[in-house]
Amino acid sequence: MMNEEKTLAIQVSPKQLDSFCKKIISRSRNTANIHEALIVLEAFVSAFSCDSQGADNYKNIQDTLKSHSAKTREKLMLEKTQQLEQGLSTQNILLLADVYSSLSRNGFYQILNSAADQINRSDIFSISTWVITWASEAKQMAEEASGYPDALDFKKANINIEQYQAMTDIAYFFKNTYK
C-alpha cells in the first residue's frame, strides 16, 4: 500500500483576501493577535503558493497582506506607546514590563522615544529619577543576594527578571536621552 500524500489547492483573489482581512480585523479587539494572524497568513501564502514570486497575482496577494499588516502594526505601536506612557506616568512596573515583553527591543525603543515625547517635560525628571533609582536598587539587591562579586541572583532577591530588564532598558534610555 502506497503512502500517497494528499494535497489541497486553494484559490484566492486579492479582493477576496482583502475582504477576509477586513473581517478578521473587525471581529477582534486585540490588535496584537490580529497583527500576528496577518503575519502568519503572509508566511503561509509565501510558503505554500504554487505561483512564482515574480507573478503579478502573487505580488497582488502579498501586497494586500502587507498593507493590512502595516496598518495593524501601526495601530499596535500606537496602543503600546499609550500603554507605555501610562505606565511611566503612573509608575506601573507591571504595565511597563508587559509592554516591554510584547515587543522587540528595537520596537520598544521606538515607542519609548515616542512615549517620552508625549510626557510633560516637568514630569520627565521625576519619572527618569524613579526608573534609574529602581534599576540601580534592584541590581544592588540582586548582587547582595548572590553572595558573589559581579553576579546577580534575582530569585533570591525576589526581583522579577522581566521587570528588571524593562526597567534597566528604560533607565538606559533616560540616562542617555535626558542627561
N, C-alpha and C. Protein backbone atom coordinates (compact mmCIF):
# COMPACT_ATOMS: atom_id res chain seq x y z
N MET A 1 0.83 -1.16 0.00
CA MET A 1 0.00 0.00 0.00
C MET A 1 0.89 1.24 0.00
N MET A 2 0.62 2.14 -0.93
CA MET A 2 1.41 3.36 -1.07
C MET A 2 0.91 4.42 -0.09
N ASN A 3 1.85 5.12 0.44
CA ASN A 3 1.50 6.24 1.32
C ASN A 3 1.46 7.50 0.47
N GLU A 4 0.33 7.72 -0.18
CA GLU A 4 0.17 8.85 -1.09
C GLU A 4 -0.20 10.10 -0.30
N GLU A 5 0.53 11.17 -0.55
CA GLU A 5 0.28 12.42 0.14
C GLU A 5 -0.88 13.15 -0.53
N LYS A 6 -1.84 13.54 0.24
CA LYS A 6 -2.99 14.26 -0.27
C LYS A 6 -2.70 15.76 -0.20
N THR A 7 -3.22 16.50 -1.15
CA THR A 7 -2.99 17.95 -1.17
C THR A 7 -4.32 18.68 -1.25
N LEU A 8 -4.26 19.96 -0.99
CA LEU A 8 -5.42 20.83 -1.06
C LEU A 8 -5.02 22.06 -1.85
N ALA A 9 -5.76 22.36 -2.89
CA ALA A 9 -5.49 23.56 -3.68
C ALA A 9 -6.43 24.67 -3.20
N ILE A 10 -5.88 25.84 -3.02
CA ILE A 10 -6.65 26.99 -2.56
C ILE A 10 -6.48 28.11 -3.58
N GLN A 11 -7.58 28.72 -3.94
CA GLN A 11 -7.52 29.87 -4.83
C GLN A 11 -8.15 31.06 -4.13
N VAL A 12 -7.49 32.18 -4.22
CA VAL A 12 -7.99 33.39 -3.59
C VAL A 12 -7.57 34.58 -4.45
N SER A 13 -8.47 35.53 -4.57
CA SER A 13 -8.16 36.75 -5.31
C SER A 13 -7.77 37.84 -4.30
N PRO A 14 -7.08 38.87 -4.75
CA PRO A 14 -6.75 39.97 -3.83
C PRO A 14 -8.02 40.58 -3.21
N LYS A 15 -9.09 40.67 -3.97
CA LYS A 15 -10.33 41.23 -3.46
C LYS A 15 -10.92 40.35 -2.36
N GLN A 16 -10.92 39.03 -2.58
CA GLN A 16 -11.41 38.11 -1.56
C GLN A 16 -10.54 38.17 -0.30
N LEU A 17 -9.25 38.23 -0.50
CA LEU A 17 -8.32 38.29 0.62
C LEU A 17 -8.48 39.60 1.40
N ASP A 18 -8.66 40.69 0.68
CA ASP A 18 -8.89 41.98 1.32
C ASP A 18 -10.14 41.92 2.19
N SER A 19 -11.18 41.35 1.66
CA SER A 19 -12.43 41.21 2.41
C SER A 19 -12.24 40.33 3.64
N PHE A 20 -11.51 39.23 3.48
CA PHE A 20 -11.23 38.32 4.58
C PHE A 20 -10.43 39.03 5.68
N CYS A 21 -9.40 39.78 5.29
CA CYS A 21 -8.57 40.51 6.27
C CYS A 21 -9.41 41.54 7.02
N LYS A 22 -10.26 42.25 6.31
CA LYS A 22 -11.11 43.25 6.96
C LYS A 22 -12.05 42.58 7.96
N LYS A 23 -12.53 41.39 7.62
CA LYS A 23 -13.42 40.66 8.52
C LYS A 23 -12.67 40.24 9.78
N ILE A 24 -11.44 39.75 9.62
CA ILE A 24 -10.62 39.36 10.77
C ILE A 24 -10.38 40.57 11.67
N ILE A 25 -10.04 41.68 11.06
CA ILE A 25 -9.72 42.89 11.81
C ILE A 25 -10.95 43.40 12.56
N SER A 26 -12.11 43.35 11.93
CA SER A 26 -13.32 43.87 12.57
C SER A 26 -13.84 42.98 13.69
N ARG A 27 -13.48 41.71 13.68
CA ARG A 27 -14.01 40.77 14.66
C ARG A 27 -13.17 40.65 15.93
N SER A 28 -12.01 41.23 15.94
CA SER A 28 -11.15 41.08 17.11
C SER A 28 -10.81 42.43 17.70
N ARG A 29 -10.71 42.47 19.01
CA ARG A 29 -10.34 43.70 19.71
C ARG A 29 -8.86 43.73 20.04
N ASN A 30 -8.20 42.62 19.88
CA ASN A 30 -6.79 42.53 20.25
C ASN A 30 -5.91 42.75 19.01
N THR A 31 -5.35 43.94 18.92
CA THR A 31 -4.55 44.30 17.76
C THR A 31 -3.32 43.40 17.61
N ALA A 32 -2.71 43.01 18.71
CA ALA A 32 -1.53 42.15 18.65
C ALA A 32 -1.88 40.80 18.03
N ASN A 33 -3.02 40.24 18.41
CA ASN A 33 -3.44 38.96 17.84
C ASN A 33 -3.76 39.09 16.35
N ILE A 34 -4.41 40.17 15.97
CA ILE A 34 -4.72 40.41 14.56
C ILE A 34 -3.43 40.51 13.76
N HIS A 35 -2.52 41.31 14.27
CA HIS A 35 -1.25 41.51 13.56
C HIS A 35 -0.51 40.18 13.39
N GLU A 36 -0.45 39.41 14.46
CA GLU A 36 0.22 38.11 14.40
C GLU A 36 -0.46 37.19 13.40
N ALA A 37 -1.78 37.19 13.36
CA ALA A 37 -2.52 36.36 12.41
C ALA A 37 -2.20 36.76 10.97
N LEU A 38 -2.10 38.04 10.72
CA LEU A 38 -1.78 38.50 9.36
C LEU A 38 -0.35 38.12 8.97
N ILE A 39 0.57 38.17 9.90
CA ILE A 39 1.95 37.76 9.64
C ILE A 39 2.00 36.27 9.31
N VAL A 40 1.26 35.49 10.08
CA VAL A 40 1.21 34.03 9.83
C VAL A 40 0.57 33.76 8.48
N LEU A 41 -0.50 34.46 8.16
CA LEU A 41 -1.16 34.28 6.86
C LEU A 41 -0.22 34.63 5.72
N GLU A 42 0.53 35.69 5.88
CA GLU A 42 1.51 36.10 4.87
C GLU A 42 2.57 35.01 4.68
N ALA A 43 3.05 34.45 5.77
CA ALA A 43 4.05 33.38 5.70
C ALA A 43 3.45 32.12 5.07
N PHE A 44 2.20 31.82 5.41
CA PHE A 44 1.51 30.66 4.85
C PHE A 44 1.41 30.78 3.33
N VAL A 45 0.97 31.93 2.86
CA VAL A 45 0.83 32.14 1.41
C VAL A 45 2.19 32.04 0.74
N SER A 46 3.19 32.62 1.36
CA SER A 46 4.54 32.57 0.79
C SER A 46 5.07 31.15 0.71
N ALA A 47 4.83 30.38 1.77
CA ALA A 47 5.36 29.01 1.82
C ALA A 47 4.63 28.04 0.91
N PHE A 48 3.32 28.22 0.72
CA PHE A 48 2.55 27.22 0.01
C PHE A 48 2.01 27.65 -1.35
N SER A 49 2.39 28.82 -1.81
CA SER A 49 1.91 29.28 -3.11
C SER A 49 2.61 28.52 -4.23
N CYS A 50 1.82 28.13 -5.21
CA CYS A 50 2.38 27.45 -6.38
C CYS A 50 2.89 28.46 -7.41
N ASP A 51 2.45 29.69 -7.31
CA ASP A 51 2.88 30.73 -8.24
C ASP A 51 4.31 31.15 -7.90
N SER A 52 5.01 31.55 -8.92
CA SER A 52 6.36 32.06 -8.66
C SER A 52 6.23 33.42 -8.00
N GLN A 53 7.25 33.78 -7.25
CA GLN A 53 7.17 35.04 -6.51
C GLN A 53 7.18 36.25 -7.43
N GLY A 54 7.50 36.06 -8.70
CA GLY A 54 7.50 37.17 -9.64
C GLY A 54 6.16 37.37 -10.33
N ALA A 55 5.23 36.46 -10.15
CA ALA A 55 3.93 36.56 -10.83
C ALA A 55 3.11 37.71 -10.25
N ASP A 56 2.40 38.40 -11.13
CA ASP A 56 1.59 39.55 -10.70
C ASP A 56 0.53 39.17 -9.67
N ASN A 57 -0.13 38.03 -9.87
CA ASN A 57 -1.18 37.65 -8.92
C ASN A 57 -0.59 37.38 -7.53
N TYR A 58 0.59 36.79 -7.48
CA TYR A 58 1.25 36.55 -6.21
C TYR A 58 1.61 37.89 -5.55
N LYS A 59 2.17 38.81 -6.33
CA LYS A 59 2.53 40.14 -5.81
C LYS A 59 1.30 40.86 -5.28
N ASN A 60 0.19 40.77 -5.98
CA ASN A 60 -1.04 41.44 -5.54
C ASN A 60 -1.53 40.87 -4.21
N ILE A 61 -1.47 39.57 -4.07
CA ILE A 61 -1.88 38.92 -2.82
C ILE A 61 -0.95 39.36 -1.69
N GLN A 62 0.35 39.32 -1.92
CA GLN A 62 1.32 39.73 -0.89
C GLN A 62 1.16 41.20 -0.54
N ASP A 63 0.92 42.04 -1.56
CA ASP A 63 0.72 43.47 -1.31
C ASP A 63 -0.52 43.71 -0.44
N THR A 64 -1.57 42.95 -0.68
CA THR A 64 -2.79 43.07 0.12
C THR A 64 -2.50 42.71 1.56
N LEU A 65 -1.80 41.60 1.77
CA LEU A 65 -1.46 41.17 3.12
C LEU A 65 -0.53 42.18 3.81
N LYS A 66 0.46 42.66 3.10
CA LYS A 66 1.41 43.61 3.69
C LYS A 66 0.72 44.92 4.04
N SER A 67 -0.23 45.33 3.24
CA SER A 67 -0.97 46.56 3.52
C SER A 67 -1.74 46.45 4.84
N HIS A 68 -2.45 45.35 5.02
CA HIS A 68 -3.20 45.15 6.27
C HIS A 68 -2.24 44.97 7.45
N SER A 69 -1.16 44.27 7.23
CA SER A 69 -0.18 44.05 8.29
C SER A 69 0.45 45.37 8.72
N ALA A 70 0.77 46.23 7.78
CA ALA A 70 1.36 47.53 8.11
C ALA A 70 0.39 48.37 8.92
N LYS A 71 -0.89 48.33 8.56
CA LYS A 71 -1.90 49.10 9.30
C LYS A 71 -2.04 48.58 10.73
N THR A 72 -2.06 47.27 10.89
CA THR A 72 -2.21 46.72 12.25
C THR A 72 -0.94 46.96 13.06
N ARG A 73 0.22 46.92 12.43
CA ARG A 73 1.47 47.22 13.15
C ARG A 73 1.45 48.66 13.64
N GLU A 74 1.03 49.56 12.80
CA GLU A 74 0.96 50.97 13.19
C GLU A 74 -0.01 51.17 14.36
N LYS A 75 -1.15 50.50 14.28
CA LYS A 75 -2.14 50.59 15.37
C LYS A 75 -1.58 49.97 16.65
N LEU A 76 -0.92 48.84 16.52
CA LEU A 76 -0.32 48.16 17.67
C LEU A 76 0.74 49.04 18.32
N MET A 77 1.58 49.66 17.53
CA MET A 77 2.63 50.52 18.08
C MET A 77 2.02 51.73 18.79
N LEU A 78 0.94 52.26 18.25
CA LEU A 78 0.26 53.39 18.89
C LEU A 78 -0.33 52.95 20.24
N GLU A 79 -0.99 51.80 20.26
CA GLU A 79 -1.56 51.28 21.51
C GLU A 79 -0.47 51.05 22.56
N LYS A 80 0.64 50.46 22.14
CA LYS A 80 1.73 50.17 23.07
C LYS A 80 2.40 51.46 23.55
N THR A 81 2.47 52.47 22.68
CA THR A 81 3.02 53.76 23.09
C THR A 81 2.15 54.38 24.18
N GLN A 82 0.85 54.32 24.00
CA GLN A 82 -0.07 54.86 25.01
C GLN A 82 0.03 54.09 26.32
N GLN A 83 0.15 52.77 26.24
CA GLN A 83 0.30 51.97 27.45
C GLN A 83 1.62 52.30 28.17
N LEU A 84 2.67 52.47 27.39
CA LEU A 84 3.97 52.79 27.97
C LEU A 84 3.95 54.16 28.63
N GLU A 85 3.34 55.12 27.97
CA GLU A 85 3.21 56.46 28.55
C GLU A 85 2.44 56.39 29.88
N GLN A 86 1.36 55.62 29.88
CA GLN A 86 0.57 55.45 31.11
C GLN A 86 1.40 54.77 32.19
N GLY A 87 2.12 53.73 31.82
CA GLY A 87 2.96 53.01 32.79
C GLY A 87 4.03 53.89 33.39
N LEU A 88 4.64 54.73 32.57
CA LEU A 88 5.65 55.66 33.07
C LEU A 88 5.03 56.71 33.98
N SER A 89 3.93 57.28 33.54
CA SER A 89 3.29 58.36 34.30
C SER A 89 2.75 57.89 35.65
N THR A 90 2.29 56.64 35.69
CA THR A 90 1.72 56.11 36.94
C THR A 90 2.72 55.24 37.72
N GLN A 91 3.93 55.12 37.19
CA GLN A 91 4.98 54.29 37.78
C GLN A 91 4.50 52.85 38.00
N ASN A 92 3.90 52.31 36.96
CA ASN A 92 3.33 50.97 36.99
C ASN A 92 4.32 49.99 36.35
N ILE A 93 5.11 49.34 37.18
CA ILE A 93 6.15 48.44 36.70
C ILE A 93 5.56 47.25 35.95
N LEU A 94 4.44 46.73 36.41
CA LEU A 94 3.81 45.59 35.72
C LEU A 94 3.43 45.95 34.29
N LEU A 95 2.85 47.11 34.10
CA LEU A 95 2.48 47.56 32.75
C LEU A 95 3.72 47.78 31.89
N LEU A 96 4.73 48.39 32.46
CA LEU A 96 5.97 48.62 31.72
C LEU A 96 6.60 47.30 31.26
N ALA A 97 6.63 46.33 32.14
CA ALA A 97 7.20 45.02 31.80
C ALA A 97 6.35 44.30 30.75
N ASP A 98 5.05 44.46 30.85
CA ASP A 98 4.15 43.84 29.87
C ASP A 98 4.40 44.42 28.48
N VAL A 99 4.49 45.73 28.39
CA VAL A 99 4.75 46.37 27.10
C VAL A 99 6.13 45.95 26.59
N TYR A 100 7.10 45.94 27.48
CA TYR A 100 8.47 45.58 27.11
C TYR A 100 8.54 44.17 26.52
N SER A 101 7.87 43.24 27.17
CA SER A 101 7.95 41.84 26.73
C SER A 101 7.13 41.56 25.47
N SER A 102 6.25 42.48 25.10
CA SER A 102 5.39 42.24 23.94
C SER A 102 6.01 42.72 22.63
N LEU A 103 7.15 43.40 22.71
CA LEU A 103 7.77 43.96 21.51
C LEU A 103 9.23 43.54 21.40
N SER A 104 9.78 43.70 20.21
CA SER A 104 11.21 43.53 20.05
C SER A 104 11.90 44.68 20.77
N ARG A 105 13.15 44.53 21.03
CA ARG A 105 13.89 45.60 21.72
C ARG A 105 13.87 46.88 20.87
N ASN A 106 14.06 46.73 19.57
CA ASN A 106 14.04 47.88 18.67
C ASN A 106 12.66 48.55 18.70
N GLY A 107 11.61 47.76 18.62
CA GLY A 107 10.25 48.30 18.67
C GLY A 107 9.98 48.99 19.99
N PHE A 108 10.50 48.42 21.08
CA PHE A 108 10.31 49.02 22.40
C PHE A 108 10.98 50.40 22.47
N TYR A 109 12.22 50.48 21.96
CA TYR A 109 12.91 51.77 21.99
C TYR A 109 12.21 52.81 21.12
N GLN A 110 11.62 52.37 20.02
CA GLN A 110 10.87 53.30 19.17
C GLN A 110 9.70 53.91 19.94
N ILE A 111 8.94 53.05 20.59
CA ILE A 111 7.76 53.59 21.30
C ILE A 111 8.15 54.31 22.58
N LEU A 112 9.27 53.91 23.19
CA LEU A 112 9.73 54.60 24.40
C LEU A 112 10.08 56.05 24.05
N ASN A 113 10.71 56.23 22.94
CA ASN A 113 11.04 57.59 22.49
C ASN A 113 9.76 58.40 22.25
N SER A 114 8.78 57.79 21.60
CA SER A 114 7.50 58.47 21.34
C SER A 114 6.76 58.76 22.63
N ALA A 115 6.73 57.80 23.53
CA ALA A 115 6.03 57.98 24.80
C ALA A 115 6.68 59.09 25.61
N ALA A 116 7.99 59.11 25.65
CA ALA A 116 8.70 60.14 26.41
C ALA A 116 8.42 61.53 25.83
N ASP A 117 8.30 61.61 24.51
CA ASP A 117 7.99 62.88 23.87
C ASP A 117 6.61 63.40 24.24
N GLN A 118 5.71 62.49 24.61
CA GLN A 118 4.34 62.87 24.93
C GLN A 118 4.15 63.25 26.41
N ILE A 119 5.16 62.96 27.21
CA ILE A 119 5.07 63.26 28.65
C ILE A 119 5.56 64.69 28.87
N ASN A 120 4.89 65.39 29.77
CA ASN A 120 5.29 66.76 30.10
C ASN A 120 6.74 66.78 30.55
N ARG A 121 7.48 67.77 30.09
CA ARG A 121 8.90 67.92 30.44
C ARG A 121 9.08 68.01 31.95
N SER A 122 8.11 68.63 32.61
CA SER A 122 8.23 68.77 34.07
C SER A 122 8.14 67.41 34.77
N ASP A 123 7.50 66.43 34.15
CA ASP A 123 7.36 65.10 34.75
C ASP A 123 8.51 64.16 34.39
N ILE A 124 9.22 64.47 33.32
CA ILE A 124 10.29 63.59 32.85
C ILE A 124 11.37 63.40 33.92
N PHE A 125 11.74 64.46 34.59
CA PHE A 125 12.80 64.35 35.59
C PHE A 125 12.41 63.37 36.70
N SER A 126 11.21 63.51 37.23
CA SER A 126 10.80 62.62 38.33
C SER A 126 10.64 61.18 37.84
N ILE A 127 10.12 61.01 36.63
CA ILE A 127 9.97 59.65 36.08
C ILE A 127 11.34 59.02 35.85
N SER A 128 12.25 59.76 35.24
CA SER A 128 13.58 59.20 34.97
C SER A 128 14.32 58.91 36.27
N THR A 129 14.18 59.76 37.26
CA THR A 129 14.81 59.51 38.56
C THR A 129 14.26 58.24 39.18
N TRP A 130 12.94 58.07 39.13
CA TRP A 130 12.31 56.86 39.68
C TRP A 130 12.83 55.61 38.97
N VAL A 131 12.85 55.62 37.64
CA VAL A 131 13.28 54.45 36.87
C VAL A 131 14.75 54.12 37.15
N ILE A 132 15.59 55.12 37.09
CA ILE A 132 17.03 54.90 37.29
C ILE A 132 17.30 54.40 38.71
N THR A 133 16.64 54.98 39.70
CA THR A 133 16.79 54.54 41.09
C THR A 133 16.31 53.11 41.26
N TRP A 134 15.15 52.79 40.69
CA TRP A 134 14.61 51.43 40.81
C TRP A 134 15.58 50.42 40.23
N ALA A 135 16.09 50.69 39.02
CA ALA A 135 17.01 49.76 38.35
C ALA A 135 18.30 49.60 39.14
N SER A 136 18.82 50.69 39.68
CA SER A 136 20.05 50.64 40.46
C SER A 136 19.87 49.86 41.75
N GLU A 137 18.77 50.12 42.44
CA GLU A 137 18.50 49.41 43.70
C GLU A 137 18.24 47.92 43.46
N ALA A 138 17.54 47.61 42.39
CA ALA A 138 17.27 46.20 42.08
C ALA A 138 18.57 45.46 41.78
N LYS A 139 19.46 46.11 41.04
CA LYS A 139 20.75 45.48 40.73
C LYS A 139 21.55 45.26 42.01
N GLN A 140 21.57 46.25 42.88
CA GLN A 140 22.29 46.13 44.14
C GLN A 140 21.71 44.99 44.99
N MET A 141 20.39 44.90 45.06
CA MET A 141 19.75 43.83 45.83
C MET A 141 20.10 42.45 45.26
N ALA A 142 20.12 42.35 43.93
CA ALA A 142 20.45 41.07 43.28
C ALA A 142 21.92 40.71 43.49
N GLU A 143 22.79 41.71 43.51
CA GLU A 143 24.21 41.45 43.78
C GLU A 143 24.39 40.97 45.22
N GLU A 144 23.74 41.63 46.15
CA GLU A 144 23.84 41.25 47.56
C GLU A 144 23.25 39.86 47.80
N ALA A 145 22.19 39.53 47.09
CA ALA A 145 21.55 38.23 47.27
C ALA A 145 22.40 37.09 46.72
N SER A 146 23.22 37.36 45.73
CA SER A 146 24.00 36.29 45.12
C SER A 146 25.16 35.83 46.00
N GLY A 147 25.77 36.76 46.72
CA GLY A 147 26.91 36.38 47.55
C GLY A 147 28.21 36.31 46.78
N TYR A 148 28.20 36.54 45.50
CA TYR A 148 29.40 36.51 44.67
C TYR A 148 29.58 37.88 44.00
N PRO A 149 30.81 38.32 43.88
CA PRO A 149 31.04 39.61 43.22
C PRO A 149 30.64 39.55 41.74
N ASP A 150 30.05 40.60 41.27
CA ASP A 150 29.62 40.74 39.86
C ASP A 150 28.62 39.67 39.41
N ALA A 151 27.93 39.05 40.33
CA ALA A 151 26.89 38.07 39.99
C ALA A 151 25.56 38.57 40.55
N LEU A 152 24.51 38.28 39.83
CA LEU A 152 23.17 38.72 40.23
C LEU A 152 22.29 37.50 40.49
N ASP A 153 21.55 37.52 41.57
CA ASP A 153 20.60 36.45 41.86
C ASP A 153 19.23 37.10 42.08
N PHE A 154 18.47 37.16 40.99
CA PHE A 154 17.17 37.81 41.04
C PHE A 154 16.16 37.01 41.85
N LYS A 155 16.30 35.70 41.79
CA LYS A 155 15.36 34.85 42.52
C LYS A 155 15.48 35.07 44.03
N LYS A 156 16.70 35.02 44.54
CA LYS A 156 16.91 35.24 45.97
C LYS A 156 16.52 36.66 46.39
N ALA A 157 16.72 37.60 45.48
CA ALA A 157 16.39 39.00 45.78
C ALA A 157 14.90 39.28 45.59
N ASN A 158 14.19 38.26 45.11
CA ASN A 158 12.74 38.39 44.88
C ASN A 158 12.42 39.52 43.88
N ILE A 159 13.18 39.52 42.78
CA ILE A 159 13.00 40.52 41.73
C ILE A 159 12.59 39.79 40.44
N ASN A 160 11.52 40.24 39.85
CA ASN A 160 11.04 39.67 38.59
C ASN A 160 12.01 40.08 37.47
N ILE A 161 12.54 39.11 36.75
CA ILE A 161 13.56 39.38 35.74
C ILE A 161 13.00 40.22 34.58
N GLU A 162 11.76 39.99 34.19
CA GLU A 162 11.17 40.77 33.10
C GLU A 162 11.03 42.24 33.51
N GLN A 163 10.65 42.44 34.76
CA GLN A 163 10.54 43.81 35.26
C GLN A 163 11.91 44.47 35.31
N TYR A 164 12.90 43.71 35.76
CA TYR A 164 14.26 44.24 35.82
C TYR A 164 14.77 44.61 34.43
N GLN A 165 14.56 43.74 33.47
CA GLN A 165 15.01 44.01 32.11
C GLN A 165 14.33 45.26 31.54
N ALA A 166 13.04 45.36 31.74
CA ALA A 166 12.30 46.53 31.25
C ALA A 166 12.83 47.80 31.90
N MET A 167 12.96 47.77 33.21
CA MET A 167 13.37 48.96 33.93
C MET A 167 14.82 49.35 33.62
N THR A 168 15.71 48.38 33.44
CA THR A 168 17.10 48.73 33.11
C THR A 168 17.20 49.31 31.70
N ASP A 169 16.41 48.80 30.77
CA ASP A 169 16.42 49.38 29.41
C ASP A 169 15.81 50.78 29.42
N ILE A 170 14.77 50.98 30.19
CA ILE A 170 14.17 52.32 30.29
C ILE A 170 15.16 53.27 30.98
N ALA A 171 15.81 52.79 32.02
CA ALA A 171 16.82 53.61 32.72
C ALA A 171 17.94 53.99 31.77
N TYR A 172 18.41 53.04 30.98
CA TYR A 172 19.45 53.31 29.98
C TYR A 172 19.00 54.42 29.02
N PHE A 173 17.76 54.31 28.57
CA PHE A 173 17.20 55.33 27.66
C PHE A 173 17.23 56.71 28.33
N PHE A 174 16.72 56.79 29.55
CA PHE A 174 16.66 58.09 30.22
C PHE A 174 18.06 58.64 30.52
N LYS A 175 18.98 57.78 30.91
CA LYS A 175 20.36 58.23 31.19
C LYS A 175 20.99 58.83 29.94
N ASN A 176 20.70 58.25 28.79
CA ASN A 176 21.35 58.68 27.56
C ASN A 176 20.55 59.71 26.77
N THR A 177 19.31 59.91 27.11
CA THR A 177 18.47 60.85 26.36
C THR A 177 18.24 62.15 27.12
N TYR A 178 18.08 62.04 28.43
CA TYR A 178 17.76 63.22 29.26
C TYR A 178 18.85 63.42 30.31
N LYS A 179 20.03 63.74 29.88
CA LYS A 179 21.16 63.91 30.80
C LYS A 179 21.04 65.20 31.58
